[in-house]
Amino acid sequence: MDKKEMKKKVELWEAQLQDEKAKSYRERVREEARIVIDGIKRTVEFDDCIQAEKDFLAMIDATNH
């Protein structure tokens, strides 16, 4: 193997190593984001607003039109 072939192989290995590092970094960031999203709890349900309005109207003795 001459120097030219050796240099080409080294460059290829370095490129592959950089690709693997980038892939590993992306996977780590995605997993961290997944953990954060899983930790978020839903605090308001869609029907809560409607129920709050119904409760308010009941408290002020209003009728639905």
PDB file of N, CA and C in Angstrom:
ATOM      1  N   MET A   1       0.856  -1.172   0.000  1.00  0.00           N
ATOM      2  CA  MET A   1       0.000   0.000   0.000  1.00  0.00           C
ATOM      3  C   MET A   1       0.902   1.235   0.000  1.00  0.00           C
ATOM      4  N   ASP A   2       0.646   2.112  -0.905  1.00  0.00           N
ATOM      5  CA  ASP A   2       1.481   3.311  -0.962  1.00  0.00           C
ATOM      6  C   ASP A   2       0.879   4.429  -0.096  1.00  0.00           C
ATOM      7  N   LYS A   3       1.611   5.531  -0.001  1.00  0.00           N
ATOM      8  CA  LYS A   3       1.191   6.642   0.861  1.00  0.00           C
ATOM      9  C   LYS A   3      -0.153   7.219   0.437  1.00  0.00           C
ATOM     10  N   LYS A   4      -0.388   7.270  -0.845  1.00  0.00           N
ATOM     11  CA  LYS A   4      -1.629   7.848  -1.356  1.00  0.00           C
ATOM     12  C   LYS A   4      -2.842   7.020  -0.911  1.00  0.00           C
ATOM     13  N   GLU A   5      -2.732   5.704  -1.045  1.00  0.00           N
ATOM     14  CA  GLU A   5      -3.815   4.811  -0.621  1.00  0.00           C
ATOM     15  C   GLU A   5      -4.010   4.880   0.885  1.00  0.00           C
ATOM     16  N   MET A   6      -2.899   4.929   1.610  1.00  0.00           N
ATOM     17  CA  MET A   6      -2.959   4.995   3.065  1.00  0.00           C
ATOM     18  C   MET A   6      -3.659   6.292   3.502  1.00  0.00           C
ATOM     19  N   LYS A   7      -3.307   7.389   2.871  1.00  0.00           N
ATOM     20  CA  LYS A   7      -3.904   8.678   3.220  1.00  0.00           C
ATOM     21  C   LYS A   7      -5.404   8.662   2.924  1.00  0.00           C
ATOM     22  N   LYS A   8      -5.782   8.063   1.816  1.00  0.00           N
ATOM     23  CA  LYS A   8      -7.189   7.972   1.439  1.00  0.00           C
ATOM     24  C   LYS A   8      -7.975   7.160   2.470  1.00  0.00           C
ATOM     25  N   LYS A   9      -7.395   6.047   2.928  1.00  0.00           N
ATOM     26  CA  LYS A   9      -8.057   5.216   3.928  1.00  0.00           C
ATOM     27  C   LYS A   9      -8.187   5.959   5.261  1.00  0.00           C
ATOM     28  N   VAL A  10      -7.145   6.669   5.639  1.00  0.00           N
ATOM     29  CA  VAL A  10      -7.186   7.440   6.886  1.00  0.00           C
ATOM     30  C   VAL A  10      -8.273   8.503   6.801  1.00  0.00           C
ATOM     31  N   GLU A  11      -8.363   9.182   5.674  1.00  0.00           N
ATOM     32  CA  GLU A  11      -9.396  10.206   5.490  1.00  0.00           C
ATOM     33  C   GLU A  11     -10.790   9.588   5.562  1.00  0.00           C
ATOM     34  N   LEU A  12     -10.947   8.416   4.966  1.00  0.00           N
ATOM     35  CA  LEU A  12     -12.230   7.720   5.004  1.00  0.00           C
ATOM     36  C   LEU A  12     -12.599   7.347   6.439  1.00  0.00           C
ATOM     37  N   TRP A  13     -11.656   6.804   7.192  1.00  0.00           N
ATOM     38  CA  TRP A  13     -11.903   6.432   8.585  1.00  0.00           C
ATOM     39  C   TRP A  13     -12.235   7.656   9.438  1.00  0.00           C
ATOM     40  N   GLU A  14     -11.535   8.748   9.197  1.00  0.00           N
ATOM     41  CA  GLU A  14     -11.812   9.973   9.944  1.00  0.00           C
ATOM     42  C   GLU A  14     -13.223  10.485   9.640  1.00  0.00           C
ATOM     43  N   ALA A  15     -13.621  10.403   8.374  1.00  0.00           N
ATOM     44  CA  ALA A  15     -14.968  10.841   7.980  1.00  0.00           C
ATOM     45  C   ALA A  15     -16.022   9.949   8.637  1.00  0.00           C
ATOM     46  N   GLN A  16     -15.758   8.646   8.657  1.00  0.00           N
ATOM     47  CA  GLN A  16     -16.695   7.721   9.283  1.00  0.00           C
ATOM     48  C   GLN A  16     -16.793   7.986  10.790  1.00  0.00           C
ATOM     49  N   LEU A  17     -15.662   8.267  11.408  1.00  0.00           N
ATOM     50  CA  LEU A  17     -15.648   8.570  12.834  1.00  0.00           C
ATOM     51  C   LEU A  17     -16.460   9.834  13.119  1.00  0.00           C
ATOM     52  N   GLN A  18     -16.302  10.857  12.297  1.00  0.00           N
ATOM     53  CA  GLN A  18     -17.060  12.096  12.473  1.00  0.00           C
ATOM     54  C   GLN A  18     -18.561  11.852  12.284  1.00  0.00           C
ATOM     55  N   ASP A  19     -18.898  11.026  11.312  1.00  0.00           N
ATOM     56  CA  ASP A  19     -20.306  10.681  11.094  1.00  0.00           C
ATOM     57  C   ASP A  19     -20.884   9.962  12.310  1.00  0.00           C
ATOM     58  N   GLU A  20     -20.129   9.027  12.856  1.00  0.00           N
ATOM     59  CA  GLU A  20     -20.583   8.288  14.038  1.00  0.00           C
ATOM     60  C   GLU A  20     -20.734   9.208  15.246  1.00  0.00           C
ATOM     61  N   LYS A  21     -19.799  10.144  15.407  1.00  0.00           N
ATOM     62  CA  LYS A  21     -19.891  11.093  16.517  1.00  0.00           C
ATOM     63  C   LYS A  21     -21.132  11.967  16.367  1.00  0.00           C
ATOM     64  N   ALA A  22     -21.391  12.436  15.148  1.00  0.00           N
ATOM     65  CA  ALA A  22     -22.562  13.278  14.893  1.00  0.00           C
ATOM     66  C   ALA A  22     -23.845  12.493  15.139  1.00  0.00           C
ATOM     67  N   LYS A  23     -23.873  11.248  14.691  1.00  0.00           N
ATOM     68  CA  LYS A  23     -25.052  10.403  14.897  1.00  0.00           C
ATOM     69  C   LYS A  23     -25.282  10.168  16.380  1.00  0.00           C
ATOM     70  N   SER A  24     -24.229   9.867  17.104  1.00  0.00           N
ATOM     71  CA  SER A  24     -24.327   9.643  18.542  1.00  0.00           C
ATOM     72  C   SER A  24     -24.828  10.894  19.259  1.00  0.00           C
ATOM     73  N   TYR A  25     -24.326  12.051  18.846  1.00  0.00           N
ATOM     74  CA  TYR A  25     -24.752  13.312  19.450  1.00  0.00           C
ATOM     75  C   TYR A  25     -26.243  13.552  19.193  1.00  0.00           C
ATOM     76  N   ARG A  26     -26.687  13.340  17.948  1.00  0.00           N
ATOM     77  CA  ARG A  26     -28.105  13.532  17.618  1.00  0.00           C
ATOM     78  C   ARG A  26     -28.992  12.596  18.428  1.00  0.00           C
ATOM     79  N   GLU A  27     -28.574  11.350  18.555  1.00  0.00           N
ATOM     80  CA  GLU A  27     -29.352  10.390  19.323  1.00  0.00           C
ATOM     81  C   GLU A  27     -29.442  10.799  20.790  1.00  0.00           C
ATOM     82  N   ARG A  28     -28.341  11.291  21.336  1.00  0.00           N
ATOM     83  CA  ARG A  28     -28.319  11.719  22.736  1.00  0.00           C
ATOM     84  C   ARG A  28     -29.246  12.926  22.941  1.00  0.00           C
ATOM     85  N   VAL A  29     -29.197  13.884  22.018  1.00  0.00           N
ATOM     86  CA  VAL A  29     -30.053  15.072  22.115  1.00  0.00           C
ATOM     87  C   VAL A  29     -31.526  14.670  21.994  1.00  0.00           C
ATOM     88  N   ARG A  30     -31.833  13.777  21.075  1.00  0.00           N
ATOM     89  CA  ARG A  30     -33.217  13.315  20.910  1.00  0.00           C
ATOM     90  C   ARG A  30     -33.718  12.614  22.165  1.00  0.00           C
ATOM     91  N   GLU A  31     -32.886  11.781  22.751  1.00  0.00           N
ATOM     92  CA  GLU A  31     -33.284  11.068  23.963  1.00  0.00           C
ATOM     93  C   GLU A  31     -33.516  12.049  25.111  1.00  0.00           C
ATOM     94  N   GLU A  32     -32.658  13.054  25.236  1.00  0.00           N
ATOM     95  CA  GLU A  32     -32.844  14.074  26.275  1.00  0.00           C
ATOM     96  C   GLU A  32     -34.153  14.819  26.053  1.00  0.00           C
ATOM     97  N   ALA A  33     -34.459  15.148  24.811  1.00  0.00           N
ATOM     98  CA  ALA A  33     -35.711  15.849  24.501  1.00  0.00           C
ATOM     99  C   ALA A  33     -36.906  14.955  24.810  1.00  0.00           C
ATOM    100  N   ARG A  34     -36.796  13.675  24.489  1.00  0.00           N
ATOM    101  CA  ARG A  34     -37.870  12.723  24.778  1.00  0.00           C
ATOM    102  C   ARG A  34     -38.139  12.654  26.277  1.00  0.00           C
ATOM    103  N   ILE A  35     -37.077  12.643  27.065  1.00  0.00           N
ATOM    104  CA  ILE A  35     -37.219  12.586  28.524  1.00  0.00           C
ATOM    105  C   ILE A  35     -37.919  13.847  29.039  1.00  0.00           C
ATOM    106  N   VAL A  36     -37.529  14.998  28.503  1.00  0.00           N
ATOM    107  CA  VAL A  36     -38.159  16.261  28.921  1.00  0.00           C
ATOM    108  C   VAL A  36     -39.639  16.255  28.558  1.00  0.00           C
ATOM    109  N   ILE A  37     -39.961  15.841  27.343  1.00  0.00           N
ATOM    110  CA  ILE A  37     -41.355  15.819  26.904  1.00  0.00           C
ATOM    111  C   ILE A  37     -42.171  14.850  27.744  1.00  0.00           C
ATOM    112  N   ASP A  38     -41.608  13.697  28.058  1.00  0.00           N
ATOM    113  CA  ASP A  38     -42.314  12.734  28.895  1.00  0.00           C
ATOM    114  C   ASP A  38     -42.584  13.304  30.287  1.00  0.00           C
ATOM    115  N   GLY A  39     -41.730  14.199  30.743  1.00  0.00           N
ATOM    116  CA  GLY A  39     -41.884  14.782  32.071  1.00  0.00           C
ATOM    117  C   GLY A  39     -42.929  15.884  32.136  1.00  0.00           C
ATOM    118  N   ILE A  40     -43.354  16.369  30.982  1.00  0.00           N
ATOM    119  CA  ILE A  40     -44.374  17.416  30.957  1.00  0.00           C
ATOM    120  C   ILE A  40     -45.727  16.765  31.191  1.00  0.00           C
ATOM    121  N   LYS A  41     -46.439  17.294  32.154  1.00  0.00           N
ATOM    122  CA  LYS A  41     -47.759  16.748  32.456  1.00  0.00           C
ATOM    123  C   LYS A  41     -48.822  17.708  31.935  1.00  0.00           C
ATOM    124  N   ARG A  42     -49.863  17.143  31.442  1.00  0.00           N
ATOM    125  CA  ARG A  42     -50.979  17.951  30.962  1.00  0.00           C
ATOM    126  C   ARG A  42     -51.669  18.541  32.181  1.00  0.00           C
ATOM    127  N   THR A  43     -51.771  19.858  32.201  1.00  0.00           N
ATOM    128  CA  THR A  43     -52.372  20.516  33.357  1.00  0.00           C
ATOM    129  C   THR A  43     -53.787  21.000  33.084  1.00  0.00           C
ATOM    130  N   VAL A  44     -54.132  21.123  31.823  1.00  0.00           N
ATOM    131  CA  VAL A  44     -55.472  21.582  31.474  1.00  0.00           C
ATOM    132  C   VAL A  44     -56.018  20.672  30.383  1.00  0.00           C
ATOM    133  N   GLU A  45     -57.195  20.212  30.593  1.00  0.00           N
ATOM    134  CA  GLU A  45     -57.866  19.420  29.567  1.00  0.00           C
ATOM    135  C   GLU A  45     -58.721  20.345  28.717  1.00  0.00           C
ATOM    136  N   PHE A  46     -59.025  19.943  27.532  1.00  0.00           N
ATOM    137  CA  PHE A  46     -59.808  20.768  26.623  1.00  0.00           C
ATOM    138  C   PHE A  46     -61.172  21.119  27.215  1.00  0.00           C
ATOM    139  N   ASP A  47     -61.806  20.153  27.839  1.00  0.00           N
ATOM    140  CA  ASP A  47     -63.143  20.369  28.392  1.00  0.00           C
ATOM    141  C   ASP A  47     -63.142  21.223  29.653  1.00  0.00           C
ATOM    142  N   ASP A  48     -61.988  21.478  30.241  1.00  0.00           N
ATOM    143  CA  ASP A  48     -61.928  22.278  31.464  1.00  0.00           C
ATOM    144  C   ASP A  48     -62.499  23.670  31.260  1.00  0.00           C
ATOM    145  N   CYS A  49     -62.242  24.281  30.122  1.00  0.00           N
ATOM    146  CA  CYS A  49     -62.749  25.639  29.853  1.00  0.00           C
ATOM    147  C   CYS A  49     -64.269  25.632  29.767  1.00  0.00           C
ATOM    148  N   ILE A  50     -64.816  24.650  29.096  1.00  0.00           N
ATOM    149  CA  ILE A  50     -66.269  24.552  28.962  1.00  0.00           C
ATOM    150  C   ILE A  50     -66.899  24.312  30.327  1.00  0.00           C
ATOM    151  N   GLN A  51     -66.282  23.417  31.100  1.00  0.00           N
ATOM    152  CA  GLN A  51     -66.814  23.123  32.426  1.00  0.00           C
ATOM    153  C   GLN A  51     -66.704  24.344  33.328  1.00  0.00           C
ATOM    154  N   ALA A  52     -65.628  25.090  33.220  1.00  0.00           N
ATOM    155  CA  ALA A  52     -65.457  26.303  34.030  1.00  0.00           C
ATOM    156  C   ALA A  52     -66.550  27.313  33.696  1.00  0.00           C
ATOM    157  N   GLU A  53     -66.870  27.446  32.415  1.00  0.00           N
ATOM    158  CA  GLU A  53     -67.937  28.369  32.022  1.00  0.00           C
ATOM    159  C   GLU A  53     -69.284  27.905  32.571  1.00  0.00           C
ATOM    160  N   LYS A  54     -69.548  26.610  32.480  1.00  0.00           N
ATOM    161  CA  LYS A  54     -70.809  26.081  33.022  1.00  0.00           C
ATOM    162  C   LYS A  54     -70.894  26.322  34.527  1.00  0.00           C
ATOM    163  N   ASP A  55     -69.793  26.069  35.226  1.00  0.00           N
ATOM    164  CA  ASP A  55     -69.765  26.297  36.675  1.00  0.00           C
ATOM    165  C   ASP A  55     -69.997  27.767  37.001  1.00  0.00           C
ATOM    166  N   PHE A  56     -69.364  28.658  36.232  1.00  0.00           N
ATOM    167  CA  PHE A  56     -69.535  30.095  36.459  1.00  0.00           C
ATOM    168  C   PHE A  56     -70.987  30.499  36.251  1.00  0.00           C
ATOM    169  N   LEU A  57     -71.576  30.035  35.142  1.00  0.00           N
ATOM    170  CA  LEU A  57     -72.965  30.377  34.866  1.00  0.00           C
ATOM    171  C   LEU A  57     -73.893  29.837  35.949  1.00  0.00           C
ATOM    172  N   ALA A  58     -73.578  28.662  36.451  1.00  0.00           N
ATOM    173  CA  ALA A  58     -74.400  28.091  37.536  1.00  0.00           C
ATOM    174  C   ALA A  58     -74.264  28.928  38.801  1.00  0.00           C
ATOM    175  N   MET A  59     -73.069  29.441  39.081  1.00  0.00           N
ATOM    176  CA  MET A  59     -72.854  30.254  40.286  1.00  0.00           C
ATOM    177  C   MET A  59     -73.597  31.573  40.225  1.00  0.00           C
ATOM    178  N   ILE A  60     -73.698  32.125  39.016  1.00  0.00           N
ATOM    179  CA  ILE A  60     -74.388  33.424  38.927  1.00  0.00           C
ATOM    180  C   ILE A  60     -75.850  33.220  38.533  1.00  0.00           C
ATOM    181  N   ASP A  61     -76.280  31.977  38.560  1.00  0.00           N
ATOM    182  CA  ASP A  61     -77.662  31.603  38.291  1.00  0.00           C
ATOM    183  C   ASP A  61     -78.108  32.065  36.902  1.00  0.00           C
ATOM    184  N   ALA A  62     -77.222  31.919  35.933  1.00  0.00           N
ATOM    185  CA  ALA A  62     -77.545  32.293  34.556  1.00  0.00           C
ATOM    186  C   ALA A  62     -78.090  31.068  33.824  1.00  0.00           C
ATOM    187  N   THR A  63     -78.775  31.314  32.770  1.00  0.00           N
ATOM    188  CA  THR A  63     -79.283  30.207  31.951  1.00  0.00           C
ATOM    189  C   THR A  63     -78.574  30.212  30.608  1.00  0.00           C
ATOM    190  N   ASN A  64     -78.419  29.059  30.026  1.00  0.00           N
ATOM    191  CA  ASN A  64     -77.821  28.950  28.688  1.00  0.00           C
ATOM    192  C   ASN A  64     -78.853  29.334  27.654  1.00  0.00           C
ATOM    193  N   HIS A  65     -78.445  30.130  26.722  1.00  0.00           N
ATOM    194  CA  HIS A  65     -79.359  30.560  25.657  1.00  0.00           C
ATOM    195  C   HIS A  65     -79.065  29.806  24.417  1.00  0.00           C
TER     196      HIS A  65
END
